[in-house]
Amino acid sequence: MRKLDVYFNDNRAGVLTERVPGRDYTFNYDNSYLGSDGYSISATLPKRKEPYRSEHLFPFFSNLLPEGANRKVICRALRIDEKDLFGILSAMADKDFIGAVEIRKHKDD
């Protein structure tokens, strides 16, 4: 199981988890973030207590990834399978992201 922390405007909003590689994903908002006046990280992932579940990496997160030739170069350089979207997102964790949402390496609670 792999996990990444999701931040919105430098506040930890929740945790993205890959439970089964390439087949089972969850996103959970942190209770403290749910109680704050912070916005949802995406219109497709409105704030709620119940976890979001998907058989594929949520489109919101996959859209944060590089595409085309950039993805190929990054995957070759880091020896990551181009189909391992969570692996690419993990490799980009703690790097510069455009916008209010950042992905960071998971810190155990």
Protein backbone atom coordinates (compact mmCIF):
# COMPACT_ATOMS: atom_id res chain seq x y z
CA MET A 1 0.00 0.00 0.00
CA ARG A 2 1.33 3.43 -0.99
CA LYS A 3 0.19 6.77 0.40
CA LEU A 4 0.65 10.43 -0.44
CA ASP A 5 -0.41 13.51 1.49
CA VAL A 6 -2.51 16.08 -0.35
CA TYR A 7 -2.17 19.74 0.62
CA PHE A 8 -4.37 22.68 -0.32
CA ASN A 9 -2.87 26.13 0.16
CA ASP A 10 -0.20 24.60 2.41
CA ASN A 11 -2.78 22.89 4.67
CA ARG A 12 -2.96 19.11 4.78
CA ALA A 13 -6.31 18.30 3.18
CA GLY A 14 -6.15 14.51 3.11
CA VAL A 15 -4.44 11.30 2.07
CA LEU A 16 -4.43 9.58 -1.30
CA THR A 17 -3.90 5.81 -1.00
CA GLU A 18 -3.20 3.13 -3.57
CA ARG A 19 -4.46 -0.02 -1.88
CA VAL A 20 -3.89 -2.43 -4.80
CA PRO A 21 -1.43 -1.31 -7.51
CA GLY A 22 -3.31 0.07 -10.50
CA ARG A 23 -6.71 -1.09 -9.25
CA ASP A 24 -7.86 0.35 -5.92
CA TYR A 25 -7.55 3.95 -4.78
CA THR A 26 -9.02 5.99 -1.94
CA PHE A 27 -8.92 9.65 -1.03
CA ASN A 28 -9.82 10.67 2.53
CA TYR A 29 -10.14 14.22 3.75
CA ASP A 30 -8.51 14.83 7.13
CA ASN A 31 -11.01 15.46 9.93
CA SER A 32 -9.25 18.71 10.83
CA TYR A 33 -9.52 19.91 7.23
CA LEU A 34 -13.20 18.95 7.09
CA GLY A 35 -13.81 21.18 10.10
CA SER A 36 -11.96 24.11 8.57
CA ASP A 37 -13.22 26.71 6.12
CA GLY A 38 -10.78 25.35 3.47
CA TYR A 39 -12.16 24.62 0.03
CA SER A 40 -12.57 21.17 -1.49
CA ILE A 41 -9.46 20.22 -3.45
CA SER A 42 -11.60 19.70 -6.55
CA ALA A 43 -15.19 20.10 -7.74
CA THR A 44 -15.16 16.35 -8.37
CA LEU A 45 -14.03 15.63 -4.78
CA PRO A 46 -16.23 17.81 -2.55
CA LYS A 47 -15.49 17.76 1.16
CA ARG A 48 -17.10 14.82 2.95
CA LYS A 49 -16.31 12.47 5.79
CA GLU A 50 -16.67 9.24 3.77
CA PRO A 51 -13.66 8.19 1.71
CA TYR A 52 -13.76 8.39 -2.07
CA ARG A 53 -13.00 5.08 -3.79
CA SER A 54 -12.04 4.31 -7.37
CA GLU A 55 -10.69 1.46 -9.49
CA HIS A 56 -8.50 4.01 -11.30
CA LEU A 57 -6.38 6.92 -10.11
CA PHE A 58 -8.84 9.77 -9.72
CA PRO A 59 -8.80 12.01 -12.83
CA PHE A 60 -8.05 15.05 -10.67
CA PHE A 61 -4.74 13.48 -9.59
CA SER A 62 -3.82 11.96 -12.94
CA ASN A 63 -4.28 15.42 -14.48
CA LEU A 64 -1.45 16.69 -12.27
CA LEU A 65 0.98 14.40 -14.13
CA PRO A 66 3.19 15.37 -17.07
CA GLU A 67 2.09 14.14 -20.49
CA GLY A 68 3.63 12.98 -23.75
CA ALA A 69 7.36 13.33 -24.24
CA ASN A 70 7.85 14.87 -20.79
CA ARG A 71 6.31 11.81 -19.12
CA LYS A 72 8.51 9.47 -21.18
CA VAL A 73 11.68 11.35 -20.25
CA ILE A 74 10.80 11.45 -16.56
CA CYS A 75 9.84 7.77 -16.47
CA ARG A 76 13.03 6.69 -18.24
CA ALA A 77 15.22 8.84 -16.02
CA LEU A 78 13.57 7.56 -12.83
CA ARG A 79 12.98 4.02 -14.10
CA ILE A 80 9.24 4.16 -13.52
CA ASP A 81 6.73 2.30 -15.68
CA GLU A 82 4.75 4.88 -17.68
CA LYS A 83 1.55 3.06 -16.68
CA ASP A 84 2.33 3.42 -12.95
CA LEU A 85 0.52 6.72 -12.47
CA PHE A 86 0.74 6.57 -8.68
CA GLY A 87 4.47 5.87 -8.97
CA ILE A 88 4.94 8.94 -11.17
CA LEU A 89 2.90 11.05 -8.76
CA SER A 90 5.02 9.70 -5.88
CA ALA A 91 8.21 10.59 -7.73
CA MET A 92 6.91 14.13 -8.18
CA ALA A 93 5.93 14.47 -4.51
CA ASP A 94 7.53 17.39 -2.68
CA LYS A 95 8.36 19.05 -6.02
CA ASP A 96 6.84 22.17 -7.53
CA PHE A 97 3.17 21.91 -8.45
CA ILE A 98 1.15 24.54 -10.24
CA GLY A 99 -1.79 25.88 -8.29
CA ALA A 100 -3.07 25.45 -4.76
CA VAL A 101 -2.86 21.64 -4.59
CA GLU A 102 0.44 19.94 -3.72
CA ILE A 103 1.34 16.29 -3.34
CA ARG A 104 3.84 15.44 -0.61
CA LYS A 105 5.38 12.25 0.69
CA HIS A 106 3.14 10.70 3.33
CA LYS A 107 3.92 11.29 6.98
CA ASP A 108 2.43 8.67 9.26
CA ASP A 109 -0.08 10.00 11.75
